[in-house]
Structures are given as C-alpha cells and as structure tokens.
Amino acid sequence: MQQDLVQKIKQDPNYHQLVRQRSRFGWLLTSLMMVVYYGYILLIAFDKEFLAAKTGTGVMTWGMPIGLFVIVFTVLVTGIYVRRANSKYDALTQAIQAKVQA
C-alpha cells in the first residue's frame, strides 16, 4: 500500500512541478544570501578601513549599517520564502494530496 502511494505521488506532474519550482527558488535565495553574507565577510577581511570609517560626524561607522543590512536581508529572504511556500507550494501540495487520495 505504501509503495503504491509513493509511486502515485512520484508520477504526478504536480509533484514534479513542485520539486522543480521549490528547488530552483531555494537555490536562488541561497545564492543571494551567500553573496550578501560572504560579501560582508570579504569586506571585513580585505577592507577594514572602509568598515571603520565614520558615516558622518557621529560615532557610527559603515560596518554597523552594513551589518544591519545583512541581518535584515536574512529576515526578508526568509519572509519571501515563507510567503511563496504558503501560497504556491501549499496549493501544489494540496493538489497532489487530493489527486492521490481520490
């Protein structure tokens, strides 16, 4: 019984679409996150003077807003994925479940 269910799911075109879209989108967001994060790390490693430079007449340096950007970007990327998962991917999953249960 369990193998039949697995085979039905694997043969469903919605399943293939779900896997393809989710993987592609996940890798895109992962790539963006890695560029931002490793860009920041490389900036720390190779241009400390820029990060230590003051943004104005106060005490804040460029490292603080850029570091905050990395954190905010992470939260935004997570929110974007969750929003897509709750709309597109959940709909595809429900379509697969409905077809398999029928």
Protein backbone atom coordinates (compact mmCIF):
# COMPACT_ATOMS: atom_id res chain seq x y z
CA MET A 1 0.00 0.00 0.00
CA GLN A 2 2.74 2.47 0.98
CA GLN A 3 4.74 1.78 -2.21
CA ASP A 4 1.63 2.38 -4.33
CA LEU A 5 1.15 5.74 -2.66
CA VAL A 6 4.78 6.68 -3.25
CA GLN A 7 4.55 5.68 -6.91
CA LYS A 8 1.34 7.70 -7.40
CA ILE A 9 3.00 10.76 -5.91
CA LYS A 10 6.17 10.35 -7.99
CA GLN A 11 4.14 10.04 -11.20
CA ASP A 12 2.05 13.14 -10.52
CA PRO A 13 3.05 16.10 -12.75
CA ASN A 14 2.19 18.49 -9.91
CA TYR A 15 4.81 16.75 -7.77
CA HIS A 16 7.48 17.28 -10.43
CA GLN A 17 6.45 20.90 -10.79
CA LEU A 18 6.58 21.38 -7.01
CA VAL A 19 10.03 19.85 -6.70
CA ARG A 20 11.39 21.82 -9.66
CA GLN A 21 9.99 25.19 -8.57
CA ARG A 22 10.87 24.80 -4.90
CA SER A 23 14.42 23.68 -5.68
CA ARG A 24 15.05 26.45 -8.18
CA PHE A 25 13.65 29.13 -5.87
CA GLY A 26 15.51 27.75 -2.86
CA TRP A 27 18.82 27.77 -4.72
CA LEU A 28 18.19 31.32 -5.96
CA LEU A 29 17.57 32.60 -2.43
CA THR A 30 20.52 30.61 -1.11
CA SER A 31 22.77 32.16 -3.76
CA LEU A 32 21.59 35.67 -2.91
CA MET A 33 22.12 35.07 0.79
CA MET A 34 25.59 33.68 0.24
CA VAL A 35 26.59 36.64 -1.93
CA VAL A 36 25.44 39.10 0.72
CA TYR A 37 26.92 37.20 3.68
CA TYR A 38 30.25 36.29 2.10
CA GLY A 39 30.48 39.75 0.56
CA TYR A 40 30.27 41.16 4.07
CA ILE A 41 32.85 38.68 5.37
CA LEU A 42 35.21 39.52 2.48
CA LEU A 43 34.71 43.21 3.19
CA ILE A 44 35.69 42.57 6.82
CA ALA A 45 38.75 40.60 5.71
CA PHE A 46 40.05 42.91 2.99
CA ASP A 47 38.76 46.43 3.68
CA LYS A 48 38.63 47.00 7.42
CA GLU A 49 39.41 50.67 6.89
CA PHE A 50 36.16 51.20 4.99
CA LEU A 51 34.10 49.49 7.67
CA ALA A 52 35.86 51.51 10.38
CA ALA A 53 35.27 54.82 8.58
CA LYS A 54 32.70 57.05 10.22
CA THR A 55 29.45 57.72 8.37
CA GLY A 56 29.26 61.34 9.47
CA THR A 57 30.23 63.45 12.41
CA GLY A 58 28.90 60.93 14.95
CA VAL A 59 30.40 57.71 16.22
CA MET A 60 28.70 55.26 13.85
CA THR A 61 30.91 53.51 11.30
CA TRP A 62 29.96 51.94 7.95
CA GLY A 63 30.25 48.47 9.47
CA MET A 64 27.16 48.95 11.61
CA PRO A 65 24.58 49.73 8.89
CA ILE A 66 26.10 47.18 6.52
CA GLY A 67 25.96 44.50 9.25
CA LEU A 68 22.37 45.50 10.00
CA PHE A 69 21.60 45.18 6.28
CA VAL A 70 22.89 41.59 6.32
CA ILE A 71 20.58 40.76 9.23
CA VAL A 72 17.55 42.48 7.69
CA PHE A 73 18.25 40.84 4.33
CA THR A 74 18.24 37.44 6.03
CA VAL A 75 14.85 38.13 7.58
CA LEU A 76 13.47 39.39 4.24
CA VAL A 77 14.72 36.33 2.34
CA THR A 78 13.10 34.08 4.95
CA GLY A 79 9.84 36.02 4.68
CA ILE A 80 9.87 35.81 0.90
CA TYR A 81 10.34 32.05 1.02
CA VAL A 82 7.62 31.56 3.63
CA ARG A 83 5.19 33.69 1.63
CA ARG A 84 5.84 31.69 -1.53
CA ALA A 85 5.63 28.40 0.36
CA ASN A 86 2.31 29.35 1.92
CA SER A 87 0.77 30.35 -1.39
CA LYS A 88 2.23 28.41 -4.33
CA TYR A 89 3.81 25.39 -2.72
CA ASP A 90 0.95 24.65 -0.33
CA ALA A 91 -1.53 24.82 -3.23
CA LEU A 92 0.54 22.33 -5.23
CA THR A 93 0.87 20.06 -2.21
CA GLN A 94 -2.88 20.09 -1.65
CA ALA A 95 -3.47 19.31 -5.33
CA ILE A 96 -1.12 16.33 -5.07
CA GLN A 97 -2.83 15.11 -1.90
CA ALA A 98 -6.29 15.44 -3.45
CA LYS A 99 -5.26 13.51 -6.55
CA VAL A 100 -3.58 10.73 -4.56
CA GLN A 101 -6.49 10.32 -2.14
CA ALA A 102 -9.03 10.07 -4.96
